[in-house]
Structures are given as C-alpha cells and as structure tokens.
PDB file of N, CA and C in Angstrom:
ATOM      1  N   MET A   1      47.472 126.278  63.934  1.00  0.00           N
ATOM      2  CA  MET A   1      48.330 126.845  64.942  1.00  0.00           C
ATOM      3  C   MET A   1      48.712 126.099  66.039  1.00  0.00           C
ATOM      4  N   LYS A   2      47.468 125.677  66.750  1.00  0.00           N
ATOM      5  CA  LYS A   2      47.786 124.912  68.086  1.00  0.00           C
ATOM      6  C   LYS A   2      48.025 123.416  67.788  1.00  0.00           C
ATOM      7  N   LYS A   3      48.177 123.034  66.536  1.00  0.00           N
ATOM      8  CA  LYS A   3      48.654 121.628  66.192  1.00  0.00           C
ATOM      9  C   LYS A   3      50.257 121.980  66.002  1.00  0.00           C
ATOM     10  N   ARG A   4      50.592 123.119  65.427  1.00  0.00           N
ATOM     11  CA  ARG A   4      52.176 123.363  65.405  1.00  0.00           C
ATOM     12  C   ARG A   4      52.801 123.259  66.470  1.00  0.00           C
ATOM     13  N   VAL A   5      52.211 124.284  67.864  1.00  0.00           N
ATOM     14  CA  VAL A   5      52.779 124.363  68.875  1.00  0.00           C
ATOM     15  C   VAL A   5      52.772 123.136  69.586  1.00  0.00           C
ATOM     16  N   LYS A   6      51.689 122.200  69.659  1.00  0.00           N
ATOM     17  CA  LYS A   6      51.762 121.198  70.104  1.00  0.00           C
ATOM     18  C   LYS A   6      53.060 120.026  69.501  1.00  0.00           C
ATOM     19  N   LYS A   7      52.825 120.307  68.485  1.00  0.00           N
ATOM     20  CA  LYS A   7      54.270 119.095  67.583  1.00  0.00           C
ATOM     21  C   LYS A   7      55.430 119.542  68.162  1.00  0.00           C
ATOM     22  N   ARG A   8      55.606 120.875  68.401  1.00  0.00           N
ATOM     23  CA  ARG A   8      57.061 121.474  68.847  1.00  0.00           C
ATOM     24  C   ARG A   8      57.331 121.007  70.351  1.00  0.00           C
ATOM     25  N   ARG A   9      56.382 121.251  71.168  1.00  0.00           N
ATOM     26  CA  ARG A   9      56.422 120.679  72.399  1.00  0.00           C
ATOM     27  C   ARG A   9      56.617 119.373  72.719  1.00  0.00           C
ATOM     28  N   ASN A  10      55.943 118.426  71.795  1.00  0.00           N
ATOM     29  CA  ASN A  10      56.192 116.969  71.777  1.00  0.00           C
ATOM     30  C   ASN A  10      57.418 116.925  71.307  1.00  0.00           C
ATOM     31  N   LEU A  11      58.087 117.366  70.159  1.00  0.00           N
ATOM     32  CA  LEU A  11      59.299 117.173  69.668  1.00  0.00           C
ATOM     33  C   LEU A  11      60.339 117.602  70.591  1.00  0.00           C
ATOM     34  N   MET A  12      60.161 118.900  71.372  1.00  0.00           N
ATOM     35  CA  MET A  12      60.835 119.228  72.314  1.00  0.00           C
ATOM     36  C   MET A  12      61.198 118.180  73.803  1.00  0.00           C
ATOM     37  N   ASN A  13      60.127 117.703  74.145  1.00  0.00           N
ATOM     38  CA  ASN A  13      60.014 116.928  75.238  1.00  0.00           C
ATOM     39  C   ASN A  13      60.743 115.500  74.861  1.00  0.00           C
ATOM     40  N   SER A  14      60.366 114.969  73.581  1.00  0.00           N
ATOM     41  CA  SER A  14      61.031 113.993  73.015  1.00  0.00           C
ATOM     42  C   SER A  14      62.681 113.799  72.954  1.00  0.00           C
ATOM     43  N   PHE A  15      63.044 115.296  72.704  1.00  0.00           N
ATOM     44  CA  PHE A  15      64.337 115.355  72.435  1.00  0.00           C
ATOM     45  C   PHE A  15      65.286 115.550  74.089  1.00  0.00           C
ATOM     46  N   LEU A  16      64.333 116.537  74.855  1.00  0.00           N
ATOM     47  CA  LEU A  16      65.121 116.724  75.775  1.00  0.00           C
ATOM     48  C   LEU A  16      65.306 115.822  77.241  1.00  0.00           C
ATOM     49  N   ALA A  17      64.048 115.124  77.164  1.00  0.00           N
ATOM     50  CA  ALA A  17      64.211 113.989  78.406  1.00  0.00           C
ATOM     51  C   ALA A  17      65.291 112.835  78.048  1.00  0.00           C
ATOM     52  N   PRO A  18      65.779 112.194  76.752  1.00  0.00           N
ATOM     53  CA  PRO A  18      66.734 111.557  76.453  1.00  0.00           C
ATOM     54  C   PRO A  18      68.351 112.485  76.734  1.00  0.00           C
ATOM     55  N   CYS A  19      68.262 113.687  76.539  1.00  0.00           N
ATOM     56  CA  CYS A  19      69.458 114.450  76.654  1.00  0.00           C
ATOM     57  C   CYS A  19      69.726 114.510  78.265  1.00  0.00           C
ATOM     58  N   LEU A  20      68.936 114.801  79.111  1.00  0.00           N
ATOM     59  CA  LEU A  20      68.778 114.956  80.278  1.00  0.00           C
ATOM     60  C   LEU A  20      69.340 113.545  81.074  1.00  0.00           C
ATOM     61  N   ILE A  21      68.771 112.642  80.511  1.00  0.00           N
ATOM     62  CA  ILE A  21      69.275 111.348  80.964  1.00  0.00           C
ATOM     63  C   ILE A  21      70.792 110.639  80.618  1.00  0.00           C
ATOM     64  N   LEU A  22      71.009 111.048  79.161  1.00  0.00           N
ATOM     65  CA  LEU A  22      72.510 111.102  78.922  1.00  0.00           C
ATOM     66  C   LEU A  22      73.372 111.542  79.775  1.00  0.00           C
ATOM     67  N   LEU A  23      73.033 112.957  79.944  1.00  0.00           N
ATOM     68  CA  LEU A  23      73.819 114.046  80.734  1.00  0.00           C
ATOM     69  C   LEU A  23      73.746 113.583  82.261  1.00  0.00           C
ATOM     70  N   MET A  24      72.702 112.887  83.013  1.00  0.00           N
ATOM     71  CA  MET A  24      72.943 112.472  84.224  1.00  0.00           C
ATOM     72  C   MET A  24      73.951 111.097  84.359  1.00  0.00           C
ATOM     73  N   GLY A  25      73.712 110.237  83.264  1.00  0.00           N
ATOM     74  CA  GLY A  25      74.335 108.912  83.423  1.00  0.00           C
ATOM     75  C   GLY A  25      75.702 109.717  83.023  1.00  0.00           C
ATOM     76  N   GLY A  26      76.342 110.252  82.537  1.00  0.00           N
ATOM     77  CA  GLY A  26      77.495 111.010  82.041  1.00  0.00           C
ATOM     78  C   GLY A  26      78.260 111.312  83.645  1.00  0.00           C
ATOM     79  N   TYR A  27      77.450 112.199  84.089  1.00  0.00           N
ATOM     80  CA  TYR A  27      77.795 112.665  85.442  1.00  0.00           C
ATOM     81  C   TYR A  27      77.852 111.455  86.569  1.00  0.00           C
ATOM     82  N   LEU A  28      77.207 110.603  86.286  1.00  0.00           N
ATOM     83  CA  LEU A  28      77.333 109.414  87.280  1.00  0.00           C
ATOM     84  C   LEU A  28      78.647 108.546  86.810  1.00  0.00           C
ATOM     85  N   VAL A  29      78.686 108.581  85.703  1.00  0.00           N
ATOM     86  CA  VAL A  29      79.972 107.764  85.260  1.00  0.00           C
ATOM     87  C   VAL A  29      81.262 108.525  85.837  1.00  0.00           C
ATOM     88  N   TRP A  30      81.323 109.703  85.301  1.00  0.00           N
ATOM     89  CA  TRP A  30      82.510 110.660  85.850  1.00  0.00           C
ATOM     90  C   TRP A  30      82.569 110.775  87.324  1.00  0.00           C
ATOM     91  N   SER A  31      81.454 110.737  88.193  1.00  0.00           N
ATOM     92  CA  SER A  31      81.705 110.739  89.510  1.00  0.00           C
ATOM     93  C   SER A  31      82.265 109.349  90.171  1.00  0.00           C
ATOM     94  N   LEU A  32      81.870 108.255  89.208  1.00  0.00           N
ATOM     95  CA  LEU A  32      82.591 107.178  89.883  1.00  0.00           C
ATOM     96  C   LEU A  32      83.678 106.719  89.476  1.00  0.00           C
ATOM     97  N   ILE A  33      84.330 107.082  88.229  1.00  0.00           N
ATOM     98  CA  ILE A  33      85.620 107.360  87.897  1.00  0.00           C
ATOM     99  C   ILE A  33      86.449 107.901  89.262  1.00  0.00           C
ATOM    100  N   TYR A  34      85.683 109.350  89.266  1.00  0.00           N
ATOM    101  CA  TYR A  34      86.699 110.404  89.902  1.00  0.00           C
ATOM    102  C   TYR A  34      86.900 109.790  91.488  1.00  0.00           C
ATOM    103  N   ASN A  35      86.023 109.163  92.043  1.00  0.00           N
ATOM    104  CA  ASN A  35      85.654 108.342  93.456  1.00  0.00           C
ATOM    105  C   ASN A  35      87.051 107.303  93.499  1.00  0.00           C
ATOM    106  N   GLN A  36      86.851 106.509  92.290  1.00  0.00           N
ATOM    107  CA  GLN A  36      87.605 105.363  92.435  1.00  0.00           C
ATOM    108  C   GLN A  36      89.239 105.697  92.369  1.00  0.00           C
ATOM    109  N   VAL A  37      89.233 107.077  91.587  1.00  0.00           N
ATOM    110  CA  VAL A  37      90.960 107.336  91.657  1.00  0.00           C
ATOM    111  C   VAL A  37      91.133 108.169  92.655  1.00  0.00           C
ATOM    112  N   GLN A  38      90.218 108.520  93.422  1.00  0.00           N
ATOM    113  CA  GLN A  38      90.512 109.025  94.932  1.00  0.00           C
ATOM    114  C   GLN A  38      90.774 108.026  95.773  1.00  0.00           C
ATOM    115  N   ILE A  39      90.218 106.846  95.599  1.00  0.00           N
ATOM    116  CA  ILE A  39      90.550 105.562  96.541  1.00  0.00           C
ATOM    117  C   ILE A  39      91.789 105.164  96.795  1.00  0.00           C
ATOM    118  N   SER A  40      92.128 104.888  95.228  1.00  0.00           N
ATOM    119  CA  SER A  40      93.279 104.588  95.147  1.00  0.00           C
ATOM    120  C   SER A  40      94.420 105.567  95.698  1.00  0.00           C
ATOM    121  N   ALA A  41      94.406 106.606  95.460  1.00  0.00           N
ATOM    122  CA  ALA A  41      95.308 107.782  96.409  1.00  0.00           C
ATOM    123  C   ALA A  41      95.489 107.329  97.350  1.00  0.00           C
ATOM    124  N   LYS A  42      94.352 107.408  98.161  1.00  0.00           N
ATOM    125  CA  LYS A  42      94.246 107.303  99.581  1.00  0.00           C
ATOM    126  C   LYS A  42      94.904 105.750 100.259  1.00  0.00           C
ATOM    127  N   ARG A  43      94.876 104.692  99.405  1.00  0.00           N
ATOM    128  CA  ARG A  43      95.074 103.514  99.872  1.00  0.00           C
ATOM    129  C   ARG A  43      96.521 103.725  99.636  1.00  0.00           C
ATOM    130  N   GLN A  44      97.187 104.213  98.492  1.00  0.00           N
ATOM    131  CA  GLN A  44      98.527 104.188  98.525  1.00  0.00           C
ATOM    132  C   GLN A  44      99.085 105.523  99.567  1.00  0.00           C
ATOM    133  N   GLU A  45      98.538 106.255 100.194  1.00  0.00           N
ATOM    134  CA  GLU A  45      98.854 107.112 101.404  1.00  0.00           C
ATOM    135  C   GLU A  45      98.921 106.485 102.583  1.00  0.00           C
ATOM    136  N   LEU A  46      97.898 105.483 102.649  1.00  0.00           N
ATOM    137  CA  LEU A  46      97.951 104.636 103.852  1.00  0.00           C
ATOM    138  C   LEU A  46      99.167 103.569 104.003  1.00  0.00           C
ATOM    139  N   GLU A  47      99.422 103.035 102.548  1.00  0.00           N
ATOM    140  CA  GLU A  47     100.366 102.198 102.586  1.00  0.00           C
ATOM    141  C   GLU A  47     101.712 102.983 102.977  1.00  0.00           C
ATOM    142  N   ALA A  48     101.909 104.032 102.637  1.00  0.00           N
ATOM    143  CA  ALA A  48     103.205 104.942 103.299  1.00  0.00           C
ATOM    144  C   ALA A  48     103.269 105.147 104.500  1.00  0.00           C
ATOM    145  N   VAL A  49     101.874 105.414 105.198  1.00  0.00           N
ATOM    146  CA  VAL A  49     102.025 105.768 106.577  1.00  0.00           C
ATOM    147  C   VAL A  49     102.178 104.275 107.315  1.00  0.00           C
ATOM    148  N   GLN A  50     101.700 103.561 106.935  1.00  0.00           N
ATOM    149  CA  GLN A  50     101.779 102.247 107.493  1.00  0.00           C
ATOM    150  C   GLN A  50     103.407 101.650 107.487  1.00  0.00           C
ATOM    151  N   THR A  51     104.251 102.082 106.436  1.00  0.00           N
ATOM    152  CA  THR A  51     105.644 101.607 106.069  1.00  0.00           C
ATOM    153  C   THR A  51     106.000 102.772 107.135  1.00  0.00           C
ATOM    154  N   GLN A  52     105.838 103.917 107.550  1.00  0.00           N
ATOM    155  CA  GLN A  52     106.683 104.761 108.336  1.00  0.00           C
ATOM    156  C   GLN A  52     106.151 104.220 109.947  1.00  0.00           C
ATOM    157  N   LEU A  53     104.910 103.707 110.185  1.00  0.00           N
ATOM    158  CA  LEU A  53     104.666 103.397 111.389  1.00  0.00           C
ATOM    159  C   LEU A  53     105.797 102.061 111.839  1.00  0.00           C
ATOM    160  N   ALA A  54     105.934 101.261 110.729  1.00  0.00           N
ATOM    161  CA  ALA A  54     106.558  99.957 110.981  1.00  0.00           C
ATOM    162  C   ALA A  54     107.972 100.454 111.370  1.00  0.00           C
ATOM    163  N   ALA A  55     108.769 101.410 110.710  1.00  0.00           N
ATOM    164  CA  ALA A  55     109.891 101.682 110.760  1.00  0.00           C
ATOM    165  C   ALA A  55     110.072 102.840 112.113  1.00  0.00           C
ATOM    166  N   GLN A  56     109.215 103.342 112.345  1.00  0.00           N
ATOM    167  CA  GLN A  56     109.009 104.314 113.802  1.00  0.00           C
ATOM    168  C   GLN A  56     108.788 103.052 114.848  1.00  0.00           C
ATOM    169  N   LYS A  57     107.954 102.114 114.712  1.00  0.00           N
ATOM    170  CA  LYS A  57     108.010 100.994 115.832  1.00  0.00           C
ATOM    171  C   LYS A  57     109.220 100.543 116.368  1.00  0.00           C
ATOM    172  N   ALA A  58     110.095 100.060 114.852  1.00  0.00           N
ATOM    173  CA  ALA A  58     111.271  99.364 115.145  1.00  0.00           C
ATOM    174  C   ALA A  58     112.342 100.533 115.934  1.00  0.00           C
ATOM    175  N   ASP A  59     112.330 101.651 115.540  1.00  0.00           N
ATOM    176  CA  ASP A  59     112.796 102.622 116.305  1.00  0.00           C
ATOM    177  C   ASP A  59     112.728 102.686 117.667  1.00  0.00           C
ATOM    178  N   ASN A  60     111.455 102.742 118.018  1.00  0.00           N
ATOM    179  CA  ASN A  60     110.918 102.804 119.536  1.00  0.00           C
ATOM    180  C   ASN A  60     111.403 101.509 120.091  1.00  0.00           C
ATOM    181  N   GLU A  61     111.563 100.338 119.637  1.00  0.00           N
ATOM    182  CA  GLU A  61     112.002  99.246 120.089  1.00  0.00           C
ATOM    183  C   GLU A  61     113.489  99.055 120.308  1.00  0.00           C
ATOM    184  N   GLU A  62     114.188  99.807 119.599  1.00  0.00           N
ATOM    185  CA  GLU A  62     115.744  99.886 120.009  1.00  0.00           C
ATOM    186  C   GLU A  62     116.049 100.794 120.785  1.00  0.00           C
ATOM    187  N   LEU A  63     115.221 101.652 120.889  1.00  0.00           N
ATOM    188  CA  LEU A  63     115.591 103.002 121.967  1.00  0.00           C
ATOM    189  C   LEU A  63     115.172 102.363 123.152  1.00  0.00           C
ATOM    190  N   SER A  64     113.945 101.664 123.377  1.00  0.00           N
ATOM    191  CA  SER A  64     113.425 100.770 124.515  1.00  0.00           C
ATOM    192  C   SER A  64     114.659  99.895 125.168  1.00  0.00           C
ATOM    193  N   ARG A  65     115.062  98.871 124.031  1.00  0.00           N
ATOM    194  CA  ARG A  65     116.391  98.178 124.272  1.00  0.00           C
ATOM    195  C   ARG A  65     117.550  99.053 125.180  1.00  0.00           C
ATOM    196  N   GLN A  66     117.794  99.987 124.429  1.00  0.00           N
ATOM    197  CA  GLN A  66     118.690 100.656 124.826  1.00  0.00           C
ATOM    198  C   GLN A  66     118.542 101.269 126.434  1.00  0.00           C
ATOM    199  N   LEU A  67     117.546 101.834 126.569  1.00  0.00           N
ATOM    200  CA  LEU A  67     117.281 102.127 128.091  1.00  0.00           C
ATOM    201  C   LEU A  67     117.213 101.060 128.985  1.00  0.00           C
ATOM    202  N   GLU A  68     116.713 100.043 128.715  1.00  0.00           N
ATOM    203  CA  GLU A  68     116.683  98.882 129.575  1.00  0.00           C
ATOM    204  C   GLU A  68     118.299  98.115 129.501  1.00  0.00           C
ATOM    205  N   ALA A  69     119.277  98.622 128.680  1.00  0.00           N
ATOM    206  CA  ALA A  69     120.445  98.233 129.002  1.00  0.00           C
ATOM    207  C   ALA A  69     121.310  98.961 130.058  1.00  0.00           C
ATOM    208  N   SER A  70     122.284  98.323 130.768  1.00  0.00           N
ATOM    209  CA  SER A  70     123.131  98.860 131.950  1.00  0.00           C
ATOM    210  C   SER A  70     123.919 100.020 131.245  1.00  0.00           C
ATOM    211  N   ASP A  71     124.260 100.709 132.070  1.00  0.00           N
ATOM    212  CA  ASP A  71     125.303 101.960 131.716  1.00  0.00           C
ATOM    213  C   ASP A  71     126.600 101.473 131.029  1.00  0.00           C
ATOM    214  N   GLU A  72     127.005 100.441 131.434  1.00  0.00           N
ATOM    215  CA  GLU A  72     128.263  99.756 131.075  1.00  0.00           C
ATOM    216  C   GLU A  72     128.077  99.462 129.507  1.00  0.00           C
ATOM    217  N   GLU A  73     126.794  98.752 129.177  1.00  0.00           N
ATOM    218  CA  GLU A  73     126.643  98.306 127.916  1.00  0.00           C
ATOM    219  C   GLU A  73     126.784  99.504 126.971  1.00  0.00           C
ATOM    220  N   ILE A  74     126.087 100.419 127.217  1.00  0.00           N
ATOM    221  CA  ILE A  74     125.673 101.781 126.782  1.00  0.00           C
ATOM    222  C   ILE A  74     127.319 102.282 125.909  1.00  0.00           C
ATOM    223  N   ILE A  75     127.887 102.592 127.198  1.00  0.00           N
ATOM    224  CA  ILE A  75     129.343 103.138 127.092  1.00  0.00           C
ATOM    225  C   ILE A  75     130.241 102.374 126.423  1.00  0.00           C
ATOM    226  N   GLU A  76     130.045 100.886 126.400  1.00  0.00           N
ATOM    227  CA  GLU A  76     130.929 100.056 125.478  1.00  0.00           C
ATOM    228  C   GLU A  76     130.574 100.124 123.977  1.00  0.00           C
ATOM    229  N   GLN A  77     129.060  99.998 123.702  1.00  0.00           N
ATOM    230  CA  GLN A  77     128.559 100.406 122.476  1.00  0.00           C
ATOM    231  C   GLN A  77     129.233 101.591 121.825  1.00  0.00           C
ATOM    232  N   VAL A  78     128.958 102.814 122.612  1.00  0.00           N
ATOM    233  CA  VAL A  78     129.303 103.898 121.972  1.00  0.00           C
ATOM    234  C   VAL A  78     130.878 103.928 121.827  1.00  0.00           C
ATOM    235  N   ALA A  79     131.492 103.512 122.558  1.00  0.00           N
ATOM    236  CA  ALA A  79     132.959 103.257 122.455  1.00  0.00           C
ATOM    237  C   ALA A  79     133.355 102.832 121.136  1.00  0.00           C
ATOM    238  N   ARG A  80     132.676 101.423 121.222  1.00  0.00           N
ATOM    239  CA  ARG A  80     133.163 100.742 120.002  1.00  0.00           C
ATOM    240  C   ARG A  80     132.524 101.167 118.327  1.00  0.00           C
ATOM    241  N   ASP A  81     131.426 101.602 118.440  1.00  0.00           N
ATOM    242  CA  ASP A  81     130.758 102.113 117.255  1.00  0.00           C
ATOM    243  C   ASP A  81     131.311 103.619 116.813  1.00  0.00           C
ATOM    244  N   GLU A  82     131.381 104.485 117.745  1.00  0.00           N
ATOM    245  CA  GLU A  82     131.716 106.120 117.400  1.00  0.00           C
ATOM    246  C   GLU A  82     133.022 106.152 117.619  1.00  0.00           C
ATOM    247  N   LEU A  83     133.796 105.687 118.515  1.00  0.00           N
ATOM    248  CA  LEU A  83     135.276 106.068 118.690  1.00  0.00           C
ATOM    249  C   LEU A  83     136.190 105.042 118.165  1.00  0.00           C
ATOM    250  N   GLY A  84     135.800 103.855 117.900  1.00  0.00           N
ATOM    251  CA  GLY A  84     136.407 102.894 117.352  1.00  0.00           C
ATOM    252  C   GLY A  84     137.453 102.442 118.366  1.00  0.00           C
ATOM    253  N   TYR A  85     137.086 102.147 119.429  1.00  0.00           N
ATOM    254  CA  TYR A  85     137.892 101.742 120.727  1.00  0.00           C
ATOM    255  C   TYR A  85     137.371  99.893 120.513  1.00  0.00           C
ATOM    256  N   ALA A  86     138.738  99.207 121.063  1.00  0.00           N
ATOM    257  CA  ALA A  86     138.566  97.741 121.187  1.00  0.00           C
ATOM    258  C   ALA A  86     138.887  97.085 122.418  1.00  0.00           C
ATOM    259  N   LYS A  87     138.530  96.121 123.046  1.00  0.00           N
ATOM    260  CA  LYS A  87     139.043  95.400 123.723  1.00  0.00           C
ATOM    261  C   LYS A  87     140.345  94.971 124.130  1.00  0.00           C
ATOM    262  N   PRO A  88     141.355  94.935 125.317  1.00  0.00           N
ATOM    263  CA  PRO A  88     142.638  94.528 125.269  1.00  0.00           C
ATOM    264  C   PRO A  88     142.548  93.242 124.481  1.00  0.00           C
ATOM    265  N   GLY A  89     143.541  93.107 123.722  1.00  0.00           N
ATOM    266  CA  GLY A  89     143.749  91.733 122.886  1.00  0.00           C
ATOM    267  C   GLY A  89     142.849  91.290 121.827  1.00  0.00           C
ATOM    268  N   GLU A  90     141.805  92.336 121.624  1.00  0.00           N
ATOM    269  CA  GLU A  90     140.804  92.125 120.558  1.00  0.00           C
ATOM    270  C   GLU A  90     141.336  92.590 119.050  1.00  0.00           C
ATOM    271  N   ARG A  91     140.878  91.744 118.146  1.00  0.00           N
ATOM    272  CA  ARG A  91     141.549  92.438 116.680  1.00  0.00           C
ATOM    273  C   ARG A  91     140.255  93.127 116.203  1.00  0.00           C
ATOM    274  N   VAL A  92     140.342  94.151 115.516  1.00  0.00           N
ATOM    275  CA  VAL A  92     139.349  94.812 114.757  1.00  0.00           C
ATOM    276  C   VAL A  92     139.530  95.010 113.336  1.00  0.00           C
ATOM    277  N   PHE A  93     138.532  94.569 112.447  1.00  0.00           N
ATOM    278  CA  PHE A  93     138.843  94.459 111.138  1.00  0.00           C
ATOM    279  C   PHE A  93     138.041  95.380 110.245  1.00  0.00           C
ATOM    280  N   VAL A  94     138.394  96.237 109.642  1.00  0.00           N
ATOM    281  CA  VAL A  94     137.673  97.222 108.952  1.00  0.00           C
ATOM    282  C   VAL A  94     137.740  97.072 107.448  1.00  0.00           C
ATOM    283  N   ASP A  95     136.322  96.759 106.951  1.00  0.00           N
ATOM    284  CA  ASP A  95     136.152  96.631 105.511  1.00  0.00           C
ATOM    285  C   ASP A  95     136.507  97.823 104.756  1.00  0.00           C
ATOM    286  N   MET A  96     137.440  97.911 103.964  1.00  0.00           N
ATOM    287  CA  MET A  96     137.778  99.223 103.019  1.00  0.00           C
ATOM    288  C   MET A  96     137.213  99.004 102.061  1.00  0.00           C
ATOM    289  N   SER A  97     136.719  97.931 101.646  1.00  0.00           N
ATOM    290  CA  SER A  97     136.059  97.810 100.110  1.00  0.00           C
ATOM    291  C   SER A  97     134.775  98.634  99.560  1.00  0.00           C
ATOM    292  N   GLY A  98     134.160  99.079 100.710  1.00  0.00           N
ATOM    293  CA  GLY A  98     133.020  99.778 100.630  1.00  0.00           C
ATOM    294  C   GLY A  98     131.676  99.394 100.119  1.00  0.00           C
ATOM    295  N   LYS A  99     132.003  97.819  99.999  1.00  0.00           N
ATOM    296  CA  LYS A  99     130.518  97.020  99.668  1.00  0.00           C
ATOM    297  C   LYS A  99     129.562  96.673 101.122  1.00  0.00           C
TER     298      LYS A  99
END
C-alpha cells in the first residue's frame, strides 16, 4: 500500500512541477505583451501631446509678437483682415475660387 501512495505522490509531483512552470511562463509572456502594448499606447499619447505643445508654442509666439507690435500695426491688421479695409489707392484682390 505504501508503494502505491509513494508512486502516486511521485506521479503527482512529476506532473505538477511542469504545469506550474508552464503557467508561470505563460503569465510572464502575457505580462510582457501587455506591457509592450501599454508602452506603445503611451508613446502615441506622448507624440500627440508634443504636437499640441508645438502648436501652442506657435500660438504663444504669435501672441507675443502681437503684444510687441505698436497699436497702429494692430489696428491696421484688424482693419485689413476683419473689416476688409484698404489704404487709399491700394487695390485688394479677393480669390473667389475657394482653392
């Protein structure tokens, strides 16, 4: 009877150890793949934020330039761009093609 019990325990140990190793290996592979996907997503997010940062810096530079401009330059720019005014004797051409 004791031989049979020992044989079962040896069989159980020889089956259990490789199963545990296989499970741990599977978990490690899954963990590696999951982390790589997360890293890729964060890199894409970083690129998007850097693009937004560059656009915001360009806007800030334009606003700084406008702050440094004199009042007459600002008034002239608003009159030309928003109100459609022109200087005396100046011809303004409007592109109606929409291109």
